[in-house]
Amino acid sequence: MQWKVAGVLGVGHVIRFIAVVGFGIAQPFIDVVIHVLL
């Protein structure tokens, strides 16, 4: 039972890490797009 909980928490942690890293990489591009549109 405990390894299931640990697995779910681990997956959530990995997804959050990927999201944070991806957003950090995308941030400059998002800023450029916003400046171009405005």
PDB file of N, CA and C in Angstrom:
ATOM      1  N   MET A   1       0.835  -1.208   0.000  1.00  0.00           N
ATOM      2  CA  MET A   1       0.000   0.000   0.000  1.00  0.00           C
ATOM      3  C   MET A   1       0.873   1.263   0.000  1.00  0.00           C
ATOM      4  N   GLN A   2       1.929   1.252   0.833  1.00  0.00           N
ATOM      5  CA  GLN A   2       2.763   2.454   0.948  1.00  0.00           C
ATOM      6  C   GLN A   2       3.528   2.749  -0.336  1.00  0.00           C
ATOM      7  N   TRP A   3       3.966   1.694  -1.031  1.00  0.00           N
ATOM      8  CA  TRP A   3       4.723   1.946  -2.269  1.00  0.00           C
ATOM      9  C   TRP A   3       3.830   2.578  -3.324  1.00  0.00           C
ATOM     10  N   LYS A   4       2.520   2.283  -3.255  1.00  0.00           N
ATOM     11  CA  LYS A   4       1.577   2.927  -4.199  1.00  0.00           C
ATOM     12  C   LYS A   4       1.515   4.429  -3.931  1.00  0.00           C
ATOM     13  N   VAL A   5       1.394   4.795  -2.669  1.00  0.00           N
ATOM     14  CA  VAL A   5       1.336   6.211  -2.291  1.00  0.00           C
ATOM     15  C   VAL A   5       2.629   6.908  -2.700  1.00  0.00           C
ATOM     16  N   ALA A   6       3.760   6.259  -2.423  1.00  0.00           N
ATOM     17  CA  ALA A   6       5.061   6.824  -2.783  1.00  0.00           C
ATOM     18  C   ALA A   6       5.160   6.997  -4.296  1.00  0.00           C
ATOM     19  N   GLY A   7       4.639   6.038  -5.047  1.00  0.00           N
ATOM     20  CA  GLY A   7       4.675   6.117  -6.510  1.00  0.00           C
ATOM     21  C   GLY A   7       3.855   7.289  -7.020  1.00  0.00           C
ATOM     22  N   VAL A   8       2.656   7.465  -6.459  1.00  0.00           N
ATOM     23  CA  VAL A   8       1.789   8.572  -6.886  1.00  0.00           C
ATOM     24  C   VAL A   8       2.452   9.911  -6.566  1.00  0.00           C
ATOM     25  N   LEU A   9       3.008  10.033  -5.358  1.00  0.00           N
ATOM     26  CA  LEU A   9       3.681  11.275  -4.970  1.00  0.00           C
ATOM     27  C   LEU A   9       4.885  11.525  -5.863  1.00  0.00           C
ATOM     28  N   GLY A  10       5.630  10.450  -6.175  1.00  0.00           N
ATOM     29  CA  GLY A  10       6.802  10.584  -7.041  1.00  0.00           C
ATOM     30  C   GLY A  10       6.421  11.092  -8.417  1.00  0.00           C
ATOM     31  N   VAL A  11       5.352  10.526  -8.986  1.00  0.00           N
ATOM     32  CA  VAL A  11       4.903  10.943 -10.322  1.00  0.00           C
ATOM     33  C   VAL A  11       4.467  12.409 -10.297  1.00  0.00           C
ATOM     34  N   GLY A  12       3.729  12.792  -9.283  1.00  0.00           N
ATOM     35  CA  GLY A  12       3.279  14.180  -9.164  1.00  0.00           C
ATOM     36  C   GLY A  12       4.459  15.127  -9.060  1.00  0.00           C
ATOM     37  N   HIS A  13       5.482  14.700  -8.305  1.00  0.00           N
ATOM     38  CA  HIS A  13       6.680  15.521  -8.132  1.00  0.00           C
ATOM     39  C   HIS A  13       7.399  15.697  -9.465  1.00  0.00           C
ATOM     40  N   VAL A  14       7.517  14.606 -10.221  1.00  0.00           N
ATOM     41  CA  VAL A  14       8.196  14.650 -11.525  1.00  0.00           C
ATOM     42  C   VAL A  14       7.435  15.559 -12.483  1.00  0.00           C
ATOM     43  N   ILE A  15       6.101  15.431 -12.514  1.00  0.00           N
ATOM     44  CA  ILE A  15       5.279  16.249 -13.416  1.00  0.00           C
ATOM     45  C   ILE A  15       5.434  17.735 -13.060  1.00  0.00           C
ATOM     46  N   ARG A  16       5.425  18.030 -11.753  1.00  0.00           N
ATOM     47  CA  ARG A  16       5.562  19.424 -11.328  1.00  0.00           C
ATOM     48  C   ARG A  16       6.945  19.956 -11.713  1.00  0.00           C
ATOM     49  N   PHE A  17       7.976  19.106 -11.531  1.00  0.00           N
ATOM     50  CA  PHE A  17       9.345  19.518 -11.881  1.00  0.00           C
ATOM     51  C   PHE A  17       9.448  19.832 -13.367  1.00  0.00           C
ATOM     52  N   ILE A  18       8.876  18.937 -14.203  1.00  0.00           N
ATOM     53  CA  ILE A  18       8.907  19.138 -15.661  1.00  0.00           C
ATOM     54  C   ILE A  18       8.155  20.418 -16.028  1.00  0.00           C
ATOM     55  N   ALA A  19       7.010  20.646 -15.372  1.00  0.00           N
ATOM     56  CA  ALA A  19       6.211  21.835 -15.669  1.00  0.00           C
ATOM     57  C   ALA A  19       6.989  23.110 -15.322  1.00  0.00           C
ATOM     58  N   VAL A  20       7.658  23.101 -14.160  1.00  0.00           N
ATOM     59  CA  VAL A  20       8.426  24.281 -13.730  1.00  0.00           C
ATOM     60  C   VAL A  20       9.580  24.539 -14.687  1.00  0.00           C
ATOM     61  N   VAL A  21      10.315  23.469 -15.049  1.00  0.00           N
ATOM     62  CA  VAL A  21      11.450  23.619 -15.967  1.00  0.00           C
ATOM     63  C   VAL A  21      10.955  24.085 -17.333  1.00  0.00           C
ATOM     64  N   GLY A  22       9.882  23.472 -17.828  1.00  0.00           N
ATOM     65  CA  GLY A  22       9.338  23.838 -19.135  1.00  0.00           C
ATOM     66  C   GLY A  22       8.867  25.281 -19.156  1.00  0.00           C
ATOM     67  N   PHE A  23       8.222  25.708 -18.067  1.00  0.00           N
ATOM     68  CA  PHE A  23       7.749  27.092 -18.001  1.00  0.00           C
ATOM     69  C   PHE A  23       8.929  28.051 -17.949  1.00  0.00           C
ATOM     70  N   GLY A  24       9.985  27.667 -17.218  1.00  0.00           N
ATOM     71  CA  GLY A  24      11.181  28.501 -17.134  1.00  0.00           C
ATOM     72  C   GLY A  24      11.824  28.681 -18.496  1.00  0.00           C
ATOM     73  N   ILE A  25      11.816  27.609 -19.302  1.00  0.00           N
ATOM     74  CA  ILE A  25      12.390  27.678 -20.650  1.00  0.00           C
ATOM     75  C   ILE A  25      11.485  28.506 -21.568  1.00  0.00           C
ATOM     76  N   ALA A  26      10.175  28.368 -21.401  1.00  0.00           N
ATOM     77  CA  ALA A  26       9.217  29.033 -22.292  1.00  0.00           C
ATOM     78  C   ALA A  26       9.029  30.518 -21.954  1.00  0.00           C
ATOM     79  N   GLN A  27       9.351  30.907 -20.729  1.00  0.00           N
ATOM     80  CA  GLN A  27       9.088  32.272 -20.265  1.00  0.00           C
ATOM     81  C   GLN A  27       9.606  33.352 -21.218  1.00  0.00           C
ATOM     82  N   PRO A  28      10.876  33.303 -21.659  1.00  0.00           N
ATOM     83  CA  PRO A  28      11.371  34.347 -22.583  1.00  0.00           C
ATOM     84  C   PRO A  28      10.569  34.398 -23.878  1.00  0.00           C
ATOM     85  N   PHE A  29      10.187  33.225 -24.405  1.00  0.00           N
ATOM     86  CA  PHE A  29       9.412  33.182 -25.646  1.00  0.00           C
ATOM     87  C   PHE A  29       8.028  33.785 -25.433  1.00  0.00           C
ATOM     88  N   ILE A  30       7.435  33.499 -24.266  1.00  0.00           N
ATOM     89  CA  ILE A  30       6.118  34.055 -23.946  1.00  0.00           C
ATOM     90  C   ILE A  30       6.213  35.581 -23.880  1.00  0.00           C
ATOM     91  N   ASP A  31       7.278  36.080 -23.248  1.00  0.00           N
ATOM     92  CA  ASP A  31       7.479  37.537 -23.151  1.00  0.00           C
ATOM     93  C   ASP A  31       7.595  38.155 -24.540  1.00  0.00           C
ATOM     94  N   VAL A  32       8.350  37.512 -25.424  1.00  0.00           N
ATOM     95  CA  VAL A  32       8.529  38.022 -26.789  1.00  0.00           C
ATOM     96  C   VAL A  32       7.190  38.070 -27.516  1.00  0.00           C
ATOM     97  N   VAL A  33       6.414  36.992 -27.400  1.00  0.00           N
ATOM     98  CA  VAL A  33       5.112  36.931 -28.076  1.00  0.00           C
ATOM     99  C   VAL A  33       4.200  38.041 -27.564  1.00  0.00           C
ATOM    100  N   ILE A  34       4.191  38.245 -26.244  1.00  0.00           N
ATOM    101  CA  ILE A  34       3.344  39.290 -25.656  1.00  0.00           C
ATOM    102  C   ILE A  34       3.770  40.665 -26.173  1.00  0.00           C
ATOM    103  N   HIS A  35       5.074  40.906 -26.238  1.00  0.00           N
ATOM    104  CA  HIS A  35       5.571  42.202 -26.729  1.00  0.00           C
ATOM    105  C   HIS A  35       5.197  42.405 -28.195  1.00  0.00           C
ATOM    106  N   VAL A  36       5.292  41.340 -28.979  1.00  0.00           N
ATOM    107  CA  VAL A  36       4.954  41.440 -30.411  1.00  0.00           C
ATOM    108  C   VAL A  36       3.463  41.728 -30.580  1.00  0.00           C
ATOM    109  N   LEU A  37       2.623  41.044 -29.792  1.00  0.00           N
ATOM    110  CA  LEU A  37       1.172  41.221 -29.921  1.00  0.00           C
ATOM    111  C   LEU A  37       0.740  42.594 -29.417  1.00  0.00           C
ATOM    112  N   LEU A  38       1.386  43.083 -28.366  1.00  0.00           N
ATOM    113  CA  LEU A  38       1.012  44.383 -27.815  1.00  0.00           C
ATOM    114  C   LEU A  38       1.884  45.417 -28.440  1.00  0.00           C
TER     115      LEU A  38
END
